[in-house]
Each structure stands twice: as structure tokens, then as C-alpha cells.
Protein backbone atom coordinates (compact mmCIF):
# COMPACT_ATOMS: atom_id res chain seq x y z
CA UNK A 1 -17.50 -91.31 -43.73
CA UNK A 2 -16.51 -92.28 -40.19
CA UNK A 3 -13.03 -92.19 -38.79
CA UNK A 4 -10.46 -94.82 -39.68
CA UNK A 5 -10.22 -97.29 -36.78
CA UNK A 6 -6.62 -98.07 -35.86
CA UNK A 7 -4.78 -100.37 -33.45
CA UNK A 8 -1.11 -99.56 -32.90
CA UNK A 9 1.25 -102.39 -31.92
CA UNK A 10 4.48 -100.87 -30.63
CA UNK A 11 7.81 -101.40 -28.90
CA UNK A 12 7.74 -97.71 -28.03
CA UNK A 13 11.09 -96.11 -28.67
CA UNK A 14 11.54 -92.52 -29.80
CA UNK A 15 10.41 -93.10 -33.38
CA UNK A 16 7.36 -95.05 -32.15
CA UNK A 17 6.51 -92.07 -29.94
CA UNK A 18 6.64 -89.85 -33.01
CA UNK A 19 4.38 -92.25 -34.93
CA UNK A 20 1.86 -92.47 -32.08
CA UNK A 21 1.74 -88.67 -31.86
CA UNK A 22 1.10 -88.54 -35.59
CA UNK A 23 -1.92 -90.79 -35.20
CA UNK A 24 -3.18 -88.89 -32.15
CA UNK A 25 -3.35 -85.61 -34.04
CA UNK A 26 -4.83 -87.02 -37.27
CA UNK A 27 -8.51 -85.91 -37.33
CA UNK A 28 -9.56 -88.87 -39.48
CA UNK A 29 -8.09 -91.51 -37.12
CA UNK A 30 -9.64 -93.14 -34.05
CA UNK A 31 -7.19 -95.22 -32.02
CA UNK A 32 -9.01 -98.20 -30.50
CA UNK A 33 -6.04 -99.27 -28.41
CA UNK A 34 -2.27 -99.49 -28.21
CA UNK A 35 -0.71 -102.92 -27.73
CA UNK A 36 2.84 -103.22 -26.39
CA UNK A 37 5.62 -105.63 -27.28
CA UNK A 38 9.31 -105.98 -26.42
CA UNK A 39 11.87 -104.53 -28.81
CA UNK A 40 13.40 -101.09 -28.37
CA UNK A 41 13.20 -101.69 -24.63
CA UNK A 42 11.99 -104.27 -22.12
CA UNK A 43 8.21 -104.64 -22.04
CA UNK A 44 7.65 -102.71 -18.79
CA UNK A 45 9.56 -99.74 -20.20
CA UNK A 46 7.57 -99.92 -23.42
CA UNK A 47 4.29 -99.77 -21.49
CA UNK A 48 5.49 -96.79 -19.46
CA UNK A 49 6.71 -95.03 -22.60
CA UNK A 50 3.30 -95.33 -24.25
CA UNK A 51 1.62 -93.96 -21.12
CA UNK A 52 4.05 -91.01 -21.13
CA UNK A 53 3.26 -90.16 -24.75
CA UNK A 54 -0.48 -90.31 -24.14
CA UNK A 55 -0.12 -88.16 -21.02
CA UNK A 56 1.91 -85.49 -22.82
CA UNK A 57 -0.72 -85.34 -25.56
CA UNK A 58 -3.59 -85.40 -23.04
CA UNK A 59 -5.03 -88.60 -24.53
CA UNK A 60 -4.80 -90.94 -21.56
CA UNK A 61 -8.28 -92.29 -22.25
CA UNK A 62 -6.84 -94.57 -24.96
CA UNK A 63 -6.42 -98.10 -23.52
CA UNK A 64 -2.92 -99.59 -23.36
CA UNK A 65 -2.34 -103.36 -23.25
CA UNK A 66 0.73 -105.34 -22.19
CA UNK A 67 1.78 -107.98 -24.70
CA UNK A 68 4.77 -110.16 -25.53
CA UNK A 69 7.95 -109.82 -23.46
CA UNK A 70 10.09 -111.90 -25.83
CA UNK A 71 10.13 -113.58 -29.24
CA UNK A 72 8.01 -116.49 -30.39
CA UNK A 73 10.93 -118.96 -30.29
CA UNK A 74 14.05 -119.03 -28.12
CA UNK A 75 15.36 -116.72 -25.44
CA UNK A 76 15.62 -113.74 -27.73
CA UNK A 77 18.30 -111.17 -28.42
CA UNK A 78 19.49 -108.44 -26.04
CA UNK A 79 17.45 -105.27 -26.25
CA UNK A 80 18.84 -102.54 -28.45
CA UNK A 81 20.13 -99.35 -26.82
CA UNK A 82 19.70 -97.41 -30.07
CA UNK A 83 17.21 -95.12 -28.32
CA UNK A 84 18.71 -95.55 -24.85
CA UNK A 85 18.17 -98.31 -22.32
CA UNK A 86 14.61 -97.19 -21.58
CA UNK A 87 13.73 -96.59 -25.24
CA UNK A 88 13.24 -92.85 -24.73
CA UNK A 89 16.77 -91.57 -24.45
CA UNK A 90 17.43 -92.27 -20.73
CA UNK A 91 16.61 -88.68 -19.80
CA UNK A 92 13.17 -88.92 -18.16
CA UNK A 93 13.13 -88.91 -14.36
CA UNK A 94 9.37 -88.72 -13.79
CA UNK A 95 8.69 -92.38 -13.07
CA UNK A 96 5.02 -92.96 -12.30
CA UNK A 97 4.74 -95.40 -9.36
CA UNK A 98 1.12 -96.04 -10.34
CA UNK A 99 1.80 -96.87 -14.00
CA UNK A 100 0.86 -100.55 -13.77
CA UNK A 101 -2.64 -99.63 -12.63
CA UNK A 102 -3.10 -97.69 -15.87
CA UNK A 103 -2.39 -100.75 -18.05
CA UNK A 104 -5.44 -102.80 -19.01
CA UNK A 105 -5.68 -106.23 -17.38
CA UNK A 106 -6.54 -107.90 -20.70
CA UNK A 107 -3.52 -109.27 -22.57
CA UNK A 108 -2.59 -107.35 -25.71
CA UNK A 109 -3.15 -110.31 -28.03
CA UNK A 110 -6.61 -111.03 -26.62
CA UNK A 111 -7.47 -107.32 -26.85
CA UNK A 112 -6.30 -107.18 -30.45
CA UNK A 113 -8.49 -110.16 -31.39
CA UNK A 114 -11.49 -108.75 -29.50
CA UNK A 115 -11.29 -105.23 -30.93
CA UNK A 116 -10.91 -106.50 -34.48
CA UNK A 117 -13.73 -109.04 -34.06
CA UNK A 118 -16.02 -106.26 -32.80
CA UNK A 119 -15.17 -104.13 -35.86
CA UNK A 120 -14.67 -106.66 -38.64
CA UNK A 121 -13.10 -105.35 -41.86
CA UNK A 122 -12.85 -101.86 -40.35
CA UNK A 123 -9.59 -101.91 -38.39
CA UNK A 124 -6.19 -100.88 -39.73
CA UNK A 125 -3.42 -102.52 -37.70
CA UNK A 126 -0.13 -100.62 -37.62
CA UNK A 127 2.80 -102.74 -36.40
CA UNK A 128 5.85 -100.74 -35.34
CA UNK A 129 7.93 -103.35 -33.49
CA UNK A 130 8.74 -107.07 -33.60
CA UNK A 131 5.67 -108.94 -34.85
CA UNK A 132 5.28 -111.34 -31.92
CA UNK A 133 1.82 -110.14 -30.84
CA UNK A 134 0.56 -110.49 -34.42
CA UNK A 135 1.94 -114.02 -34.77
CA UNK A 136 0.29 -115.05 -31.51
CA UNK A 137 -3.01 -113.49 -32.62
CA UNK A 138 -3.19 -115.66 -35.74
CA UNK A 139 -2.29 -118.73 -33.68
CA UNK A 140 -5.10 -118.03 -31.21
CA UNK A 141 -7.57 -117.03 -33.94
CA UNK A 142 -6.63 -118.30 -37.42
CA UNK A 143 -9.38 -116.11 -38.90
CA UNK A 144 -7.96 -112.94 -37.35
CA UNK A 145 -6.13 -111.61 -40.45
CA UNK A 146 -9.21 -111.83 -42.69
CA UNK A 147 -11.12 -109.66 -40.20
CA UNK A 148 -8.65 -106.80 -40.65
CA UNK A 149 -9.17 -103.97 -43.10
CA UNK A 150 -5.41 -103.70 -43.71
CA UNK A 151 -2.01 -104.14 -42.10
CA UNK A 152 0.89 -101.68 -42.10
CA UNK A 153 4.31 -102.94 -41.00
CA UNK A 154 7.45 -100.95 -40.28
CA UNK A 155 10.18 -103.51 -40.66
CA UNK A 156 12.10 -105.77 -42.94
CA UNK A 157 14.28 -104.83 -45.84
CA UNK A 158 14.13 -105.13 -49.61
CA UNK A 159 17.79 -105.12 -50.70
CA UNK A 160 19.48 -107.28 -48.08
CA UNK A 161 20.85 -104.23 -46.27
CA UNK A 162 20.66 -104.68 -42.51
CA UNK A 163 20.93 -102.29 -39.58
CA UNK A 164 21.55 -104.80 -36.76
CA UNK A 165 23.00 -107.70 -38.75
CA UNK A 166 24.55 -107.75 -42.19
CA UNK A 167 21.26 -108.55 -43.91
CA UNK A 168 18.40 -108.00 -41.42
CA UNK A 169 16.43 -105.02 -40.11
CA UNK A 170 15.92 -104.69 -36.34
CA UNK A 171 12.21 -105.54 -35.95
CA UNK A 172 12.46 -108.69 -38.08
CA UNK A 173 15.82 -109.70 -36.59
CA UNK A 174 14.38 -109.55 -33.07
CA UNK A 175 11.76 -112.20 -33.94
CA UNK A 176 12.25 -113.73 -37.39
CA UNK A 177 9.75 -116.54 -36.78
CA UNK A 178 6.95 -114.09 -36.03
CA UNK A 179 7.81 -112.00 -39.10
CA UNK A 180 7.71 -115.21 -41.16
CA UNK A 181 4.30 -116.22 -39.75
CA UNK A 182 2.77 -112.79 -40.35
CA UNK A 183 3.97 -112.43 -43.92
CA UNK A 184 2.88 -115.98 -44.76
CA UNK A 185 -0.52 -116.03 -43.04
CA UNK A 186 -1.84 -112.45 -43.03
CA UNK A 187 -3.63 -112.40 -46.39
CA UNK A 188 -5.29 -109.01 -45.81
CA UNK A 189 -3.98 -105.99 -47.76
CA UNK A 190 -0.47 -105.54 -46.34
CA UNK A 191 1.91 -102.61 -46.70
CA UNK A 192 5.56 -102.86 -45.68
CA UNK A 193 7.60 -99.75 -44.89
CA UNK A 194 11.07 -101.26 -44.97
CA UNK A 195 14.31 -99.94 -43.52
CA UNK A 196 15.58 -98.87 -46.94
CA UNK A 197 12.29 -97.12 -47.75
CA UNK A 198 12.50 -95.08 -44.57
CA UNK A 199 16.15 -94.18 -45.07
CA UNK A 200 15.72 -93.23 -48.74
CA UNK A 201 12.96 -90.80 -47.80
CA UNK A 202 14.89 -89.16 -44.96
CA UNK A 203 14.83 -85.44 -44.20
CA UNK A 204 17.53 -82.81 -43.65
CA UNK A 205 18.74 -82.33 -40.09
CA UNK A 206 17.70 -78.67 -40.41
CA UNK A 207 14.09 -79.92 -40.61
CA UNK A 208 14.58 -81.92 -37.42
CA UNK A 209 15.75 -78.79 -35.59
CA UNK A 210 12.68 -76.90 -36.78
CA UNK A 211 10.46 -79.85 -35.82
CA UNK A 212 11.56 -80.15 -32.18
CA UNK A 213 11.77 -76.40 -31.57
CA UNK A 214 8.07 -75.78 -32.09
CA UNK A 215 6.28 -74.17 -29.15
CA UNK A 216 4.08 -77.04 -27.95
CA UNK A 217 4.23 -79.66 -25.17
CA UNK A 218 4.75 -82.57 -27.59
CA UNK A 219 7.63 -80.79 -29.33
CA UNK A 220 9.28 -80.01 -26.01
CA UNK A 221 8.88 -83.66 -25.00
CA UNK A 222 10.50 -84.81 -28.27
CA UNK A 223 13.33 -82.33 -27.83
CA UNK A 224 13.98 -83.72 -24.34
CA UNK A 225 14.00 -87.41 -25.28
CA UNK A 226 16.27 -86.85 -28.31
CA UNK A 227 18.68 -84.54 -26.48
CA UNK A 228 21.15 -87.22 -25.34
CA UNK A 229 20.39 -89.90 -27.94
CA UNK A 230 23.15 -90.65 -30.44
CA UNK A 231 20.54 -91.77 -32.99
CA UNK A 232 19.43 -88.13 -33.14
CA UNK A 233 22.92 -86.63 -33.28
CA UNK A 234 24.38 -85.25 -36.49
CA UNK A 235 27.89 -85.62 -35.13
CA UNK A 236 27.73 -89.22 -33.85
CA UNK A 237 29.93 -91.91 -35.36
CA UNK A 238 28.90 -92.96 -38.84
CA UNK A 239 26.35 -95.77 -38.63
CA UNK A 240 25.11 -98.15 -41.30
CA UNK A 241 22.34 -95.76 -42.33
CA UNK A 242 24.84 -92.98 -43.02
CA UNK A 243 27.14 -95.32 -44.95
CA UNK A 244 24.33 -96.59 -47.19
CA UNK A 245 22.09 -93.55 -47.54
CA UNK A 246 23.91 -90.46 -46.27
CA UNK A 247 23.41 -88.34 -43.12
CA UNK A 248 19.68 -87.66 -42.81
CA UNK A 249 17.03 -87.47 -40.09
CA UNK A 250 14.88 -90.62 -40.26
CA UNK A 251 11.89 -91.28 -38.00
CA UNK A 252 11.44 -94.90 -39.07
CA UNK A 253 8.08 -95.84 -37.58
CA UNK A 254 6.44 -92.60 -38.63
CA UNK A 255 6.60 -93.70 -42.29
CA UNK A 256 4.30 -96.68 -41.73
CA UNK A 257 1.92 -94.54 -39.70
CA UNK A 258 1.89 -91.78 -42.31
CA UNK A 259 1.04 -94.32 -45.03
CA UNK A 260 -1.88 -95.55 -42.93
CA UNK A 261 -3.16 -92.02 -42.30
CA UNK A 262 -2.84 -90.88 -45.92
CA UNK A 263 -2.53 -93.55 -48.60
CA UNK A 264 -1.83 -90.84 -51.17
CA UNK A 265 1.45 -90.12 -49.42
CA UNK A 266 2.95 -93.27 -50.98
CA UNK A 267 3.91 -92.49 -54.57
CA UNK A 268 5.59 -95.76 -55.58
CA UNK A 269 5.53 -99.35 -54.33
CA UNK A 270 6.36 -102.87 -55.45
CA UNK A 271 3.60 -105.50 -55.33
CA UNK A 272 5.03 -109.00 -54.98
CA UNK A 273 5.19 -112.04 -52.70
CA UNK A 274 7.77 -111.91 -49.91
CA UNK A 275 9.32 -114.39 -47.54
CA UNK A 276 11.38 -113.99 -44.36
CA UNK A 277 14.54 -116.10 -44.22
CA UNK A 278 14.87 -118.16 -41.03
CA UNK A 279 18.18 -119.93 -41.63
CA UNK A 280 21.80 -118.92 -41.91
CA UNK A 281 24.24 -116.82 -39.91
CA UNK A 282 24.02 -113.99 -42.44
CA UNK A 283 20.50 -114.18 -43.88
CA UNK A 284 18.34 -114.91 -40.82
CA UNK A 285 15.59 -112.28 -40.52
CA UNK A 286 16.08 -110.90 -44.01
CA UNK A 287 12.95 -110.26 -46.12
CA UNK A 288 13.28 -111.54 -49.67
CA UNK A 289 11.18 -110.04 -52.48
CA UNK A 290 9.95 -112.63 -54.99
CA UNK A 291 9.40 -110.45 -58.06
CA UNK A 292 9.48 -113.43 -60.46
CA UNK A 293 7.15 -115.67 -58.40
CA UNK A 294 9.72 -118.39 -57.77
CA UNK A 295 7.87 -119.26 -54.55
CA UNK A 296 4.54 -119.66 -56.38
CA UNK A 297 2.67 -117.80 -53.64
CA UNK A 298 -0.84 -116.46 -54.25
CA UNK A 299 -0.54 -113.50 -51.86
CA UNK A 300 1.41 -110.33 -52.61
CA UNK A 301 2.21 -107.42 -50.33
CA UNK A 302 2.92 -103.80 -51.19
CA UNK A 303 6.53 -102.95 -50.42
CA UNK A 304 6.70 -99.16 -50.27
CA UNK A 305 9.52 -97.48 -52.18
CA UNK A 306 8.81 -93.74 -52.50
CA UNK A 307 6.69 -91.21 -50.64
CA UNK A 308 5.68 -87.58 -50.96
CA UNK A 309 8.29 -86.14 -48.60
CA UNK A 310 6.53 -82.76 -48.45
CA UNK A 311 3.30 -84.39 -47.21
CA UNK A 312 5.27 -86.50 -44.76
CA UNK A 313 7.00 -83.41 -43.41
CA UNK A 314 3.64 -81.74 -42.83
CA UNK A 315 2.36 -84.75 -40.87
CA UNK A 316 5.51 -84.75 -38.73
CA UNK A 317 5.19 -81.03 -38.01
CA UNK A 318 1.54 -81.37 -37.05
CA UNK A 319 2.28 -84.36 -34.79
CA UNK A 320 4.29 -82.23 -32.37
CA UNK A 321 1.74 -79.42 -32.10
CA UNK A 322 -0.03 -81.14 -29.22
CA UNK A 323 -2.11 -81.28 -27.15
CA UNK A 324 -4.82 -79.80 -29.33
CA UNK A 325 -8.54 -80.17 -29.90
CA UNK A 326 -9.31 -82.86 -32.48
């Protein structure tokens, strides 16, 4: 069998960087392209962050495309500083003055449609940020979703627990309309790695120390970008994750990527229709699970609930042993 063809749509913060590295080192994965969207940082920073990751891993041949700079509707929310203002911990000084020349001229959404159309029913799309590029893709090409092999999403929630608002997860809260469009109109096999799923399958902080202290360029890069980031501090003020799930190391986006790389890593999931709430001061951006089919929808998604943490740990460890020969 040939390699699994993958497109990664990302708002490249630290956890996105970890997920991209995981895909880069997976021998069974071929990355067709990386499309960028706003989210963890402004779009220009996201593009530069992806280029940095590819450079560290000596994989700069992979094309990078600039996509949406804001949400589908409205002016958007302020960018999160969860991973620092630049998305990678505000510690990198090596700004590349030539970075824009390394970004493909083709818009991310057009590239996504083209690459999938050239490889119909073969491409796995992994969405790690707000879903704006995906919503625009189905608006430009209504047949786009049915050309995909499968879709993996890191985002949303399944119990109404939010990390940026009372009831909404960050990626969906940043562009609820796009999340709504994608989960209504993408009828391909869809797998959702929610905020609660990621947090419930977190790892001890001792593992994180072992992970970043490996002797490899990628590990040293990860150690640098997490060094001043409160999201990677065991002693930072208690956040919502700690209150709900306890103090654990959680690399959110890596869970969706790991599920794409190895479907056997997911040990339990819920298959049901879902809908993203667009109204209300409290509920906007929340993903509701319709386990009794109140909505009478024909399409279900797989909401992941448990994973093989040992397998996941192995993928994380391997992701930072780069660059290496694939």
C-alpha cells in the first residue's frame, strides 16, 4: 500500500508544531501541503511558524500556503496569547526576512481544493485550528467534502466545558460559523478530537521533561519554544484544564494527528450527529452531541473519547527525534 496522503490545516502554535512534527516523522504519511489560518497567532506569524518547524526538521520541500486571516463572519476575536503573542512562546529571535518568498502564491483554500481534486478519495485532511479555510473550501466547491478520504478535527467539546468561554473550545469559539458549516456539510468520515478528549488523555509532566530533553534538533527546538510559555509550566496559575481534569501535560493538536496516523490508537468513540451552537452569550461555539437523534440528521461523526496513551506517548517521543531519514 502507498503512503497516506495528508493535508494539514493549522494555526501553528506550539501544539500544532508538535502535531506537524509527528506527521513529518511518520513513515506511512506523505504531507501534500500545509495550509495556514489565523488562530493561535496572526496569519503572518502562523506562516512563519510552519516554515520554522519544517526548517528544523529539514523538510522545507513541503509547500506552505497562506489562508484565512480572520473568521467567516464579523471582525473576529482577539488572538489568544496562550502560546505567546507569536504562537511559539515569544522566544525565537531568528526572523527570516525572506520568509514571504517561501510561501506559495496560491491561496490555501484553492490549494486545498486542487490537491484533493487531484487525489480524489485519497486525502486525509487534518484541521488543527479554526475551520475557516474548510468552510470557504465547501463554499467554493460544494463537492469538496465528498472528494476527501476522511477529516480529522481538533476542536469542539462534548460536555459543554469550555477553555476560552464558559461552554466553548478555542478553535470553535474563534469561528463558530465555520465550525457549523463544516460539521453540517462535510459528509465524509469525520473524527473529532475534542478539548475534553485531549485533556482526559493527558500525560504526566515527568513525561514532558523526558520528551523535550531528548538529544535531537526537534527536541531542542521544542524545549526552547516551551521554556517561557505558561501553558507548559507546572507551576503556573491553575487554569480551566487543571480545575476540570487535573495537572497534566496536554499537546492538544497532537491527538487529532495521532488518530490520523494510527486509527488503532483510538480505543473508544461516540458515533452521533453533532451541531455547533451559534446563538447565546454562553453557548455560542459549543458543540452539542445529539445521541438521541433529536435533530433528525442523517450524518454522524465519530467523537473520540479514549486513546491508547502508551501508543500516543511513543508517537510523541518519535516526533522529536528529528531530522531523520524517512
